[in-house]
N, C-alpha and C. Protein backbone atom coordinates (compact mmCIF):
# COMPACT_ATOMS: atom_id res chain seq x y z
N UNK A 1 -20.51 -68.24 69.22
CA UNK A 1 -19.32 -67.81 68.14
C UNK A 1 -18.56 -67.32 67.22
N UNK A 2 -20.14 -66.45 66.44
CA UNK A 2 -20.38 -66.16 64.99
C UNK A 2 -19.87 -64.37 66.13
N UNK A 3 -20.68 -64.36 67.32
CA UNK A 3 -21.07 -62.92 67.66
C UNK A 3 -19.43 -62.22 68.22
N UNK A 4 -18.57 -63.73 68.75
CA UNK A 4 -17.47 -63.13 69.11
C UNK A 4 -16.38 -62.29 67.99
N UNK A 5 -16.96 -63.64 66.77
CA UNK A 5 -16.09 -63.27 65.95
C UNK A 5 -15.79 -61.86 65.00
N UNK A 6 -16.96 -61.46 64.86
CA UNK A 6 -17.91 -60.19 64.81
C UNK A 6 -17.14 -58.72 65.53
N UNK A 7 -17.42 -59.29 66.82
CA UNK A 7 -16.44 -58.55 68.05
C UNK A 7 -15.00 -57.81 67.93
N UNK A 8 -14.31 -59.41 67.83
CA UNK A 8 -13.19 -59.34 67.82
C UNK A 8 -13.07 -58.29 66.28
N UNK A 9 -13.69 -58.89 64.88
CA UNK A 9 -13.72 -58.23 64.15
C UNK A 9 -13.41 -56.34 63.71
N UNK A 10 -14.29 -56.18 65.02
CA UNK A 10 -14.52 -54.31 65.25
C UNK A 10 -13.67 -53.81 65.57
N UNK A 11 -12.64 -54.67 66.71
CA UNK A 11 -12.27 -54.41 67.65
C UNK A 11 -10.63 -53.96 66.68
N UNK A 12 -10.52 -54.77 65.62
CA UNK A 12 -8.90 -54.73 64.97
C UNK A 12 -9.42 -53.61 63.96
N UNK A 13 -11.06 -53.25 63.52
CA UNK A 13 -10.78 -52.18 62.56
C UNK A 13 -10.44 -50.89 64.06
N UNK A 14 -10.90 -50.95 64.79
CA UNK A 14 -10.94 -49.85 65.49
C UNK A 14 -9.63 -49.47 65.45
N UNK A 15 -9.12 -50.38 66.28
CA UNK A 15 -7.03 -50.82 66.19
C UNK A 15 -6.36 -49.69 65.01
N UNK A 16 -7.36 -50.40 63.77
CA UNK A 16 -6.23 -49.65 62.53
C UNK A 16 -6.76 -48.54 62.74
N UNK A 17 -7.27 -47.86 62.85
CA UNK A 17 -8.46 -46.58 62.63
C UNK A 17 -7.46 -45.64 63.85
N UNK A 18 -6.56 -45.79 64.80
CA UNK A 18 -6.13 -45.31 66.02
C UNK A 18 -4.96 -44.39 65.25
N UNK A 19 -4.42 -44.64 64.52
CA UNK A 19 -3.20 -43.79 63.73
C UNK A 19 -3.68 -43.35 62.86
N UNK A 20 -5.14 -42.79 61.97
CA UNK A 20 -5.40 -42.58 61.25
C UNK A 20 -5.98 -41.22 61.31
N UNK A 21 -5.24 -40.23 60.31
CA UNK A 21 -5.76 -38.63 60.54
C UNK A 21 -6.45 -38.63 59.00
N UNK A 22 -7.67 -38.17 58.99
CA UNK A 22 -8.67 -37.83 57.59
C UNK A 22 -8.49 -38.75 56.58
N UNK A 23 -8.01 -40.02 56.91
CA UNK A 23 -8.74 -41.09 55.66
C UNK A 23 -7.33 -41.50 55.60
N UNK A 24 -5.48 -40.53 56.50
CA UNK A 24 -4.21 -41.48 56.13
C UNK A 24 -3.94 -42.13 57.16
N UNK A 25 -3.57 -43.30 56.84
CA UNK A 25 -2.83 -44.31 57.64
C UNK A 25 -1.24 -43.93 58.07
N UNK A 26 -1.03 -44.15 59.12
CA UNK A 26 0.27 -43.31 59.51
C UNK A 26 1.84 -44.66 58.54
N UNK A 27 2.64 -44.12 57.83
CA UNK A 27 3.44 -45.20 57.52
C UNK A 27 3.82 -45.95 59.27
N UNK A 28 4.81 -46.90 58.31
CA UNK A 28 5.31 -47.60 59.60
C UNK A 28 6.60 -47.13 60.21
N UNK A 29 7.53 -45.61 60.39
CA UNK A 29 7.78 -45.69 60.99
C UNK A 29 7.65 -45.13 62.64
N UNK A 30 8.83 -45.34 64.00
CA UNK A 30 7.83 -45.27 64.44
C UNK A 30 8.58 -43.89 64.87
N UNK A 31 7.80 -42.93 65.57
CA UNK A 31 8.55 -41.53 65.88
C UNK A 31 9.46 -41.12 67.05
N UNK A 32 10.74 -40.99 66.47
CA UNK A 32 11.86 -40.68 67.46
C UNK A 32 11.58 -39.61 68.53
N UNK A 33 12.73 -40.14 69.67
CA UNK A 33 12.83 -39.64 70.49
C UNK A 33 12.46 -37.88 70.31
N UNK A 34 11.95 -37.36 71.13
CA UNK A 34 12.40 -35.64 70.43
C UNK A 34 13.52 -34.93 71.05
N UNK A 35 14.47 -35.45 71.25
CA UNK A 35 15.58 -34.62 71.75
C UNK A 35 16.85 -35.00 70.60
N UNK A 36 15.97 -35.91 70.41
CA UNK A 36 17.26 -36.43 68.90
C UNK A 36 16.50 -35.71 67.42
N UNK A 37 17.24 -34.62 67.57
CA UNK A 37 16.97 -33.90 66.86
C UNK A 37 16.84 -33.98 65.16
N UNK A 38 18.04 -34.49 64.34
CA UNK A 38 17.90 -34.84 63.57
C UNK A 38 16.81 -36.65 63.42
N UNK A 39 16.92 -37.08 64.21
CA UNK A 39 16.30 -38.65 64.05
C UNK A 39 14.62 -37.73 63.56
N UNK A 40 14.37 -36.92 64.36
CA UNK A 40 13.26 -36.50 64.28
C UNK A 40 12.90 -35.91 62.95
N UNK A 41 13.79 -34.94 63.03
CA UNK A 41 13.74 -34.19 61.54
C UNK A 41 14.00 -35.00 60.47
N UNK A 42 14.62 -35.91 60.03
CA UNK A 42 14.49 -37.14 58.82
C UNK A 42 12.83 -37.57 58.78
N UNK A 43 12.09 -38.10 60.68
CA UNK A 43 10.81 -38.92 60.36
C UNK A 43 10.27 -37.79 59.93
N UNK A 44 10.21 -36.44 59.85
CA UNK A 44 8.92 -35.85 59.77
C UNK A 44 9.40 -35.86 58.59
N UNK A 45 10.28 -35.88 57.89
CA UNK A 45 10.22 -35.41 56.40
C UNK A 45 9.80 -36.78 55.38
N UNK A 46 10.49 -38.18 56.18
CA UNK A 46 10.19 -38.96 55.47
C UNK A 46 8.38 -38.87 55.26
N UNK A 47 7.67 -39.04 56.89
CA UNK A 47 6.62 -39.67 56.90
C UNK A 47 5.62 -38.58 56.03
N UNK A 48 6.08 -37.27 55.33
CA UNK A 48 5.43 -36.23 55.25
C UNK A 48 5.11 -36.70 53.79
N UNK A 49 3.85 -36.20 53.48
CA UNK A 49 3.98 -36.38 51.59
C UNK A 49 3.26 -35.35 51.11
N UNK A 50 3.33 -33.86 52.16
CA UNK A 50 3.08 -32.39 51.34
C UNK A 50 3.73 -31.10 52.51
N UNK A 51 3.88 -29.83 51.54
CA UNK A 51 3.84 -29.43 52.46
C UNK A 51 3.88 -28.02 51.67
N UNK A 52 4.42 -26.73 52.70
CA UNK A 52 3.90 -25.58 51.59
C UNK A 52 5.54 -25.42 50.99
N UNK A 53 6.08 -25.28 49.86
CA UNK A 53 6.85 -24.71 49.65
C UNK A 53 6.83 -23.31 49.06
N UNK A 54 7.83 -22.42 49.59
CA UNK A 54 7.63 -21.11 49.38
C UNK A 54 8.68 -20.71 48.43
N UNK A 55 8.88 -19.53 47.38
CA UNK A 55 9.52 -18.88 46.72
C UNK A 55 9.06 -17.57 45.94
N UNK A 56 10.50 -16.73 46.07
CA UNK A 56 10.62 -15.61 45.73
C UNK A 56 9.43 -15.37 44.41
N UNK A 57 8.36 -14.72 44.44
CA UNK A 57 7.51 -13.89 43.29
C UNK A 57 8.13 -13.50 42.82
N UNK A 58 8.17 -13.91 41.12
CA UNK A 58 8.04 -12.93 40.31
C UNK A 58 7.29 -11.51 39.52
N UNK A 59 6.12 -12.32 39.34
CA UNK A 59 4.91 -11.63 39.32
C UNK A 59 4.42 -11.06 40.43
N UNK A 60 5.27 -11.16 41.50
CA UNK A 60 4.14 -9.92 42.66
C UNK A 60 5.94 -9.08 43.21
N UNK A 61 6.59 -8.99 42.24
CA UNK A 61 7.44 -8.43 42.85
C UNK A 61 8.36 -8.16 43.56
N UNK A 62 8.44 -9.76 43.81
CA UNK A 62 9.31 -10.18 44.71
C UNK A 62 9.48 -10.51 46.04
N UNK A 63 7.60 -10.70 46.43
CA UNK A 63 7.32 -10.69 47.68
C UNK A 63 7.15 -12.93 47.38
N UNK A 64 7.07 -12.82 48.69
CA UNK A 64 7.00 -14.19 48.90
C UNK A 64 5.89 -15.23 48.27
N UNK A 65 5.40 -16.69 47.86
CA UNK A 65 4.88 -16.99 47.40
C UNK A 65 4.72 -18.24 47.89
N UNK A 66 3.88 -18.74 48.67
CA UNK A 66 4.02 -19.96 49.44
C UNK A 66 2.63 -20.77 48.84
N UNK A 67 3.11 -22.09 48.07
CA UNK A 67 2.45 -23.35 47.52
C UNK A 67 2.13 -24.42 48.41
N UNK A 68 0.84 -25.00 48.30
CA UNK A 68 1.07 -26.22 48.50
C UNK A 68 1.67 -27.26 47.65
N UNK A 69 2.46 -28.43 48.21
CA UNK A 69 2.97 -28.80 46.77
C UNK A 69 3.29 -30.36 47.84
N UNK A 70 3.04 -31.46 46.88
CA UNK A 70 3.67 -32.84 47.15
C UNK A 70 5.33 -33.03 47.12
N UNK A 71 5.62 -33.78 47.71
CA UNK A 71 7.24 -33.83 47.76
C UNK A 71 7.35 -35.56 48.52
N UNK A 72 8.61 -36.14 47.72
CA UNK A 72 9.10 -37.69 48.77
C UNK A 72 10.47 -36.79 48.60
N UNK A 73 11.19 -37.82 49.67
CA UNK A 73 12.77 -37.91 49.79
C UNK A 73 12.97 -39.12 49.36
N UNK A 74 12.39 -40.09 48.76
CA UNK A 74 13.04 -41.34 48.78
C UNK A 74 11.71 -42.43 48.42
N UNK A 75 12.90 -43.82 48.24
CA UNK A 75 11.49 -44.62 48.83
C UNK A 75 11.08 -45.32 50.18
N UNK A 76 10.70 -46.32 49.85
CA UNK A 76 10.65 -46.75 51.75
C UNK A 76 11.73 -47.35 52.23
N UNK A 77 12.28 -48.18 51.72
CA UNK A 77 13.79 -48.01 52.25
C UNK A 77 14.54 -47.98 52.13
N UNK A 78 14.75 -46.74 51.79
CA UNK A 78 15.92 -45.30 51.12
C UNK A 78 15.32 -44.18 51.57
N UNK A 79 15.90 -43.81 52.27
CA UNK A 79 14.76 -42.00 52.39
C UNK A 79 16.25 -41.16 52.66
N UNK A 80 16.37 -39.86 51.66
CA UNK A 80 17.56 -39.82 51.77
C UNK A 80 17.18 -38.32 52.43
N UNK A 81 16.39 -37.86 52.85
CA UNK A 81 15.74 -36.38 53.33
C UNK A 81 15.97 -35.43 53.27
N UNK A 82 16.20 -35.91 51.57
CA UNK A 82 16.06 -34.15 50.21
C UNK A 82 14.61 -34.81 49.70
N UNK A 83 13.80 -33.48 49.70
CA UNK A 83 12.87 -33.41 49.15
C UNK A 83 12.91 -33.05 47.63
N UNK A 84 12.05 -33.77 46.84
CA UNK A 84 12.04 -33.88 45.56
C UNK A 84 10.23 -33.61 44.83
N UNK A 85 10.20 -33.31 43.56
CA UNK A 85 8.97 -32.40 43.61
C UNK A 85 9.37 -32.71 41.92
N UNK A 86 7.35 -32.89 41.69
CA UNK A 86 7.20 -33.29 40.43
C UNK A 86 6.40 -31.28 39.99
N UNK A 87 6.94 -30.64 39.55
CA UNK A 87 6.79 -29.26 39.02
C UNK A 87 6.53 -28.91 37.47
N UNK A 88 5.31 -28.33 37.28
CA UNK A 88 5.08 -27.93 35.75
C UNK A 88 5.19 -26.03 36.18
N UNK A 89 5.46 -25.84 34.99
CA UNK A 89 6.27 -24.24 34.46
C UNK A 89 4.61 -23.24 34.76
N UNK A 90 3.36 -24.11 34.18
CA UNK A 90 2.39 -23.49 34.33
C UNK A 90 1.71 -22.87 35.67
N UNK A 91 2.43 -23.43 36.13
CA UNK A 91 2.41 -23.28 38.09
C UNK A 91 3.91 -22.44 38.35
N UNK A 92 2.49 -21.08 39.23
CA UNK A 92 3.86 -19.44 39.52
C UNK A 92 5.56 -21.00 40.03
N UNK A 93 4.85 -21.69 41.05
CA UNK A 93 6.72 -22.14 41.61
C UNK A 93 7.88 -22.63 41.24
N UNK A 94 7.51 -23.83 40.03
CA UNK A 94 8.32 -23.36 39.30
C UNK A 94 8.91 -22.33 38.20
N UNK A 95 8.07 -21.64 38.05
CA UNK A 95 8.69 -20.21 36.82
C UNK A 95 9.37 -20.04 37.88
N UNK A 96 8.61 -19.35 39.29
CA UNK A 96 10.08 -18.53 40.24
C UNK A 96 11.19 -19.56 40.39
N UNK A 97 11.47 -20.32 40.76
CA UNK A 97 12.49 -21.25 41.33
C UNK A 97 13.21 -20.93 39.64
N UNK A 98 12.46 -21.41 38.99
CA UNK A 98 14.19 -20.96 37.44
C UNK A 98 14.80 -19.30 37.63
N UNK A 99 13.84 -18.97 37.81
CA UNK A 99 14.73 -17.41 37.94
C UNK A 99 14.98 -17.15 39.41
N UNK A 100 14.76 -17.50 40.36
CA UNK A 100 15.84 -17.28 41.57
C UNK A 100 15.20 -18.40 42.04
N UNK A 101 16.14 -19.42 42.68
CA UNK A 101 16.50 -20.82 43.59
C UNK A 101 16.20 -20.61 44.85
N UNK A 102 16.21 -19.38 45.35
CA UNK A 102 15.88 -19.29 46.85
C UNK A 102 14.43 -19.86 47.02
N UNK A 103 14.40 -20.27 48.03
CA UNK A 103 13.11 -21.49 48.24
C UNK A 103 13.11 -21.65 50.14
N UNK A 104 11.87 -22.59 50.63
CA UNK A 104 11.87 -23.12 51.58
C UNK A 104 10.89 -24.01 51.70
N UNK A 105 10.94 -25.23 52.37
CA UNK A 105 9.73 -26.20 51.96
C UNK A 105 9.38 -26.33 53.37
N UNK A 106 7.86 -25.98 54.34
CA UNK A 106 7.99 -26.14 55.64
C UNK A 106 6.47 -27.88 55.39
N UNK A 107 6.50 -28.42 56.68
CA UNK A 107 6.32 -29.36 56.47
C UNK A 107 5.78 -29.74 58.56
N UNK A 108 4.30 -29.77 58.73
CA UNK A 108 3.66 -29.68 59.84
C UNK A 108 3.83 -31.02 60.61
N UNK A 109 3.82 -31.77 61.74
CA UNK A 109 3.31 -33.04 61.52
C UNK A 109 2.28 -32.91 62.13
N UNK A 110 1.11 -32.17 62.35
CA UNK A 110 -0.06 -32.43 62.71
C UNK A 110 -0.93 -33.39 61.42
N UNK A 111 -0.43 -33.10 60.08
CA UNK A 111 -1.32 -34.05 59.46
C UNK A 111 -0.91 -35.76 59.23
N UNK A 112 -0.15 -36.23 60.12
CA UNK A 112 0.25 -37.11 60.14
C UNK A 112 -0.66 -37.51 61.09
N UNK A 113 -1.15 -37.03 62.08
CA UNK A 113 -2.29 -37.12 63.31
C UNK A 113 -1.27 -37.66 64.67
N UNK A 114 -0.49 -37.38 64.50
CA UNK A 114 0.33 -37.97 65.68
C UNK A 114 0.44 -36.91 67.27
N UNK A 115 -0.07 -36.01 66.40
CA UNK A 115 0.16 -34.47 67.71
C UNK A 115 -0.89 -34.55 69.12
N UNK A 116 -1.97 -35.46 68.83
CA UNK A 116 -3.06 -35.71 69.59
C UNK A 116 -3.72 -34.55 69.52
N UNK A 117 -4.19 -33.96 70.65
CA UNK A 117 -5.35 -32.74 70.49
C UNK A 117 -4.53 -31.60 70.90
N UNK A 118 -3.42 -31.08 70.57
CA UNK A 118 -2.74 -30.39 70.66
C UNK A 118 -2.84 -29.17 68.57
N UNK A 119 -2.99 -28.07 69.27
CA UNK A 119 -3.12 -27.31 67.94
C UNK A 119 -1.95 -27.53 66.90
N UNK A 120 -2.27 -27.39 65.68
CA UNK A 120 -0.39 -26.83 64.87
C UNK A 120 0.36 -25.89 65.10
N UNK A 121 -0.55 -24.76 65.94
CA UNK A 121 1.03 -23.64 66.62
C UNK A 121 1.45 -23.82 67.71
N UNK A 122 0.86 -25.42 68.54
CA UNK A 122 1.60 -25.72 69.92
C UNK A 122 2.76 -26.12 69.29
N UNK A 123 4.22 -25.94 69.99
CA UNK A 123 5.04 -26.63 69.87
C UNK A 123 5.50 -27.79 70.32
N UNK A 124 4.52 -28.66 70.67
CA UNK A 124 5.06 -30.12 71.17
C UNK A 124 3.94 -30.76 69.28
N UNK A 125 3.69 -29.60 68.29
CA UNK A 125 3.17 -30.49 67.42
C UNK A 125 4.63 -30.08 66.22
N UNK A 126 5.54 -30.91 66.22
CA UNK A 126 6.59 -30.50 65.85
C UNK A 126 6.46 -29.81 63.81
N UNK A 127 6.92 -28.88 63.88
CA UNK A 127 7.25 -28.17 61.81
C UNK A 127 8.86 -27.57 62.08
N UNK A 128 8.91 -28.17 61.01
CA UNK A 128 10.54 -27.86 60.16
C UNK A 128 10.35 -26.99 59.10
N UNK A 129 11.32 -26.34 58.61
CA UNK A 129 11.38 -25.46 57.31
C UNK A 129 12.84 -25.62 56.98
N UNK A 130 12.30 -26.31 55.52
CA UNK A 130 14.37 -26.48 54.99
C UNK A 130 13.63 -25.36 54.09
N UNK A 131 15.08 -24.61 54.13
CA UNK A 131 15.64 -23.67 53.33
C UNK A 131 16.91 -23.89 52.13
N UNK A 132 16.90 -23.52 51.34
CA UNK A 132 17.70 -23.92 50.68
C UNK A 132 17.93 -23.21 48.71
N UNK A 133 18.06 -23.78 48.06
CA UNK A 133 17.82 -23.84 46.68
C UNK A 133 17.15 -24.76 45.89
N UNK A 134 15.70 -23.84 45.07
CA UNK A 134 15.12 -25.32 44.24
C UNK A 134 15.38 -25.13 43.03
N UNK A 135 16.05 -26.91 42.48
CA UNK A 135 16.88 -26.04 41.63
C UNK A 135 16.02 -27.75 40.81
N UNK A 136 16.01 -27.49 39.13
CA UNK A 136 16.03 -28.45 38.46
C UNK A 136 16.52 -29.47 37.81
N UNK A 137 16.71 -30.88 37.98
CA UNK A 137 17.03 -31.77 38.06
C UNK A 137 17.56 -32.20 36.32
N UNK A 138 18.35 -32.18 36.25
CA UNK A 138 18.74 -33.10 34.75
C UNK A 138 18.01 -33.83 33.89
N UNK A 139 16.72 -33.85 33.29
CA UNK A 139 16.26 -35.07 32.70
C UNK A 139 16.74 -36.51 33.01
N UNK A 140 18.18 -37.22 32.27
CA UNK A 140 18.95 -38.01 32.38
C UNK A 140 19.49 -38.51 33.39
N UNK A 141 19.69 -37.77 34.87
CA UNK A 141 20.35 -38.05 35.68
C UNK A 141 19.95 -39.34 35.96
N UNK A 142 20.81 -39.95 36.98
CA UNK A 142 20.65 -40.78 37.80
C UNK A 142 20.22 -40.70 38.63
N UNK A 143 20.04 -39.93 39.30
CA UNK A 143 18.54 -38.83 40.90
C UNK A 143 17.28 -38.74 40.15
N UNK A 144 16.97 -38.05 39.41
CA UNK A 144 16.49 -38.20 38.02
C UNK A 144 15.14 -39.11 38.47
N UNK A 145 15.88 -40.44 38.05
CA UNK A 145 14.95 -41.62 38.00
C UNK A 145 14.75 -41.75 39.55
N UNK A 146 15.85 -42.03 40.47
CA UNK A 146 15.42 -42.28 41.52
C UNK A 146 14.07 -41.34 41.73
N UNK A 147 14.08 -40.10 41.88
CA UNK A 147 13.72 -39.27 42.54
C UNK A 147 12.17 -39.52 41.97
N UNK A 148 12.11 -39.97 40.39
CA UNK A 148 10.43 -40.32 39.56
C UNK A 148 10.19 -41.30 40.28
N UNK A 149 10.96 -42.36 40.99
CA UNK A 149 10.14 -43.31 41.53
C UNK A 149 10.03 -43.21 42.57
N UNK A 150 10.52 -42.09 43.81
CA UNK A 150 9.94 -41.78 45.15
C UNK A 150 8.81 -40.86 44.58
N UNK A 151 8.63 -40.24 43.89
CA UNK A 151 7.71 -39.62 44.13
C UNK A 151 6.55 -40.32 43.13
N UNK A 152 6.55 -41.48 42.13
CA UNK A 152 5.59 -41.99 41.78
C UNK A 152 5.27 -42.87 43.04
N UNK A 153 5.79 -43.62 44.02
CA UNK A 153 5.73 -44.59 45.02
C UNK A 153 4.85 -43.77 45.71
N UNK A 154 5.25 -42.63 46.35
CA UNK A 154 3.94 -41.79 47.46
C UNK A 154 2.89 -40.74 46.52
N UNK A 155 2.88 -40.84 45.31
CA UNK A 155 2.07 -40.08 44.85
C UNK A 155 1.94 -40.71 43.57
N UNK A 156 0.80 -41.94 43.51
CA UNK A 156 1.04 -42.84 42.11
C UNK A 156 -0.31 -41.73 41.27
N UNK A 157 -1.11 -41.13 41.60
CA UNK A 157 -1.77 -40.00 40.86
C UNK A 157 -0.74 -39.66 39.73
N UNK A 158 0.45 -38.82 40.25
CA UNK A 158 1.03 -37.87 39.29
C UNK A 158 1.63 -39.33 37.69
N UNK A 159 1.50 -39.88 37.49
CA UNK A 159 1.93 -40.77 36.65
C UNK A 159 1.55 -40.67 35.63
N UNK A 160 -0.03 -40.16 36.11
CA UNK A 160 -1.45 -39.97 34.75
C UNK A 160 -1.69 -38.40 34.75
N UNK A 161 -0.24 -37.42 35.31
CA UNK A 161 -1.04 -36.28 34.45
C UNK A 161 -0.11 -35.75 33.83
N UNK A 162 -0.52 -34.88 33.18
CA UNK A 162 -0.61 -34.25 31.24
C UNK A 162 0.79 -34.14 31.08
N UNK A 163 1.21 -34.87 29.69
CA UNK A 163 2.77 -35.26 29.86
C UNK A 163 2.79 -33.36 28.74
N UNK A 164 1.77 -33.19 28.53
CA UNK A 164 2.19 -31.73 27.92
C UNK A 164 2.34 -30.47 28.66
N UNK A 165 2.10 -31.25 29.46
CA UNK A 165 2.07 -29.71 30.96
C UNK A 165 3.82 -30.22 31.16
N UNK A 166 4.43 -30.56 30.50
CA UNK A 166 5.41 -30.23 30.92
C UNK A 166 5.85 -30.50 31.99
N UNK A 167 6.18 -31.71 33.10
CA UNK A 167 6.36 -32.04 34.27
C UNK A 167 7.69 -32.39 34.38
N UNK A 168 8.86 -31.61 35.59
CA UNK A 168 9.44 -31.27 35.86
C UNK A 168 10.31 -32.04 37.08
N UNK A 169 11.43 -33.06 37.50
CA UNK A 169 11.58 -33.11 38.26
C UNK A 169 12.60 -31.95 38.80
N UNK A 170 12.26 -31.38 40.45
CA UNK A 170 13.04 -30.04 40.96
C UNK A 170 13.45 -30.54 42.35
N UNK A 171 14.26 -30.29 43.36
CA UNK A 171 14.81 -31.21 44.12
C UNK A 171 15.38 -29.59 44.96
N UNK A 172 14.97 -29.86 46.64
CA UNK A 172 15.40 -28.48 47.22
C UNK A 172 17.13 -28.97 47.79
N UNK A 173 17.85 -28.29 47.31
CA UNK A 173 19.59 -27.82 48.18
C UNK A 173 19.23 -27.69 49.24
N UNK A 174 19.20 -27.87 50.73
CA UNK A 174 18.76 -27.89 51.87
C UNK A 174 20.27 -26.92 51.95
N UNK A 175 20.07 -25.47 52.82
CA UNK A 175 21.66 -25.00 53.43
C UNK A 175 21.01 -24.54 54.70
N UNK A 176 19.42 -24.58 55.52
CA UNK A 176 19.27 -24.10 56.66
C UNK A 176 18.31 -25.44 57.01
N UNK A 177 18.13 -25.16 58.38
CA UNK A 177 17.47 -26.25 59.43
C UNK A 177 16.47 -25.59 60.38
N UNK A 178 14.95 -25.90 60.03
CA UNK A 178 14.66 -24.59 61.54
C UNK A 178 13.76 -25.66 61.30
N UNK A 179 13.35 -25.96 63.17
CA UNK A 179 12.76 -27.25 63.80
C UNK A 179 12.31 -26.68 64.83
N UNK A 180 11.21 -27.37 65.03
CA UNK A 180 10.22 -26.67 66.54
C UNK A 180 9.52 -28.17 67.15
N UNK A 181 10.23 -28.86 67.73
CA UNK A 181 9.15 -29.86 67.89
C UNK A 181 9.09 -30.67 69.85
N UNK A 182 9.37 -29.65 70.31
CA UNK A 182 9.04 -28.91 71.87
C UNK A 182 9.53 -28.05 72.67
N UNK A 183 8.70 -27.52 73.60
CA UNK A 183 8.90 -26.09 73.66
C UNK A 183 10.38 -25.76 74.08
N UNK A 184 10.66 -23.98 74.10
CA UNK A 184 12.68 -23.67 73.96
C UNK A 184 13.03 -23.91 73.00
N UNK A 185 11.99 -22.80 72.19
CA UNK A 185 12.71 -23.13 70.44
C UNK A 185 13.31 -23.62 69.56
N UNK A 186 13.44 -23.11 68.79
CA UNK A 186 13.88 -24.52 67.98
C UNK A 186 15.23 -25.29 67.79
N UNK A 187 15.24 -26.62 67.73
CA UNK A 187 16.49 -27.19 68.04
C UNK A 187 17.84 -27.13 66.85
N UNK A 188 18.78 -27.15 67.56
CA UNK A 188 19.82 -26.96 67.12
C UNK A 188 20.46 -28.11 65.60
N UNK A 189 20.45 -28.19 64.64
CA UNK A 189 20.44 -29.16 63.93
C UNK A 189 21.56 -28.08 62.79
N UNK A 190 22.53 -28.52 62.02
CA UNK A 190 23.13 -28.79 60.37
C UNK A 190 22.78 -29.52 60.09
N UNK A 191 23.12 -29.07 58.50
CA UNK A 191 22.44 -29.58 57.27
C UNK A 191 23.39 -31.15 57.40
N UNK A 192 24.54 -31.39 57.70
CA UNK A 192 25.65 -32.23 57.80
C UNK A 192 24.75 -33.44 58.61
N UNK A 193 24.06 -32.81 59.95
CA UNK A 193 23.67 -33.71 61.06
C UNK A 193 22.53 -34.19 60.63
N UNK A 194 21.85 -33.53 59.38
CA UNK A 194 20.35 -34.05 58.97
C UNK A 194 20.27 -35.22 57.98
N UNK A 195 21.76 -34.61 57.56
CA UNK A 195 21.69 -35.90 55.93
C UNK A 195 22.64 -37.27 56.72
N UNK A 196 23.54 -36.79 56.92
CA UNK A 196 23.97 -38.11 57.93
C UNK A 196 23.59 -38.98 58.76
N UNK A 197 21.99 -38.35 59.07
CA UNK A 197 21.07 -39.94 60.22
C UNK A 197 20.82 -40.52 59.59
N UNK A 198 20.50 -41.86 59.33
CA UNK A 198 20.18 -42.99 58.42
C UNK A 198 18.73 -43.13 59.21
N UNK A 199 17.86 -43.68 58.94
CA UNK A 199 16.16 -43.45 59.14
C UNK A 199 16.35 -45.54 59.10
């Protein structure tokens, strides 16, 4: 009897690790059909926790500057599709955005562990680039309070980051969406379609 329980326990652990990639368990939201462009895009952003945020570099003569950043688009029961960031001006990304708002955020499906054996560049492993303006939120606004809750829920470590580093909350005002999640080029998707979709 004990050996049966032991094997059942091992089997349950094995099942739990199936949806795991490098120690990060997938969130509960199921992967949408690839033909549902708005649904897939919103799923990819809501499930992601980091991406490459690119800005126009003030220090490199206007060259593009990409930086790994953490983000959140909401809390578990309220995904907005709008990426929020907790950034410090000690880092070039925030300084660049304060001078020139033009920015883009690129997120890959690969870290979620749902691409199978596909390479991250393979079209079956989705990627999305949201382009727009990276703007600083008013510290006293309701949106800032919501964004802070969203960020600290997904990234609890942020709560302990040094106050002296003057971290502030930014959001990406999306103006264009580029997503590939299968062969045949980017999926046609407007910002309105993307934001309107409910997860």
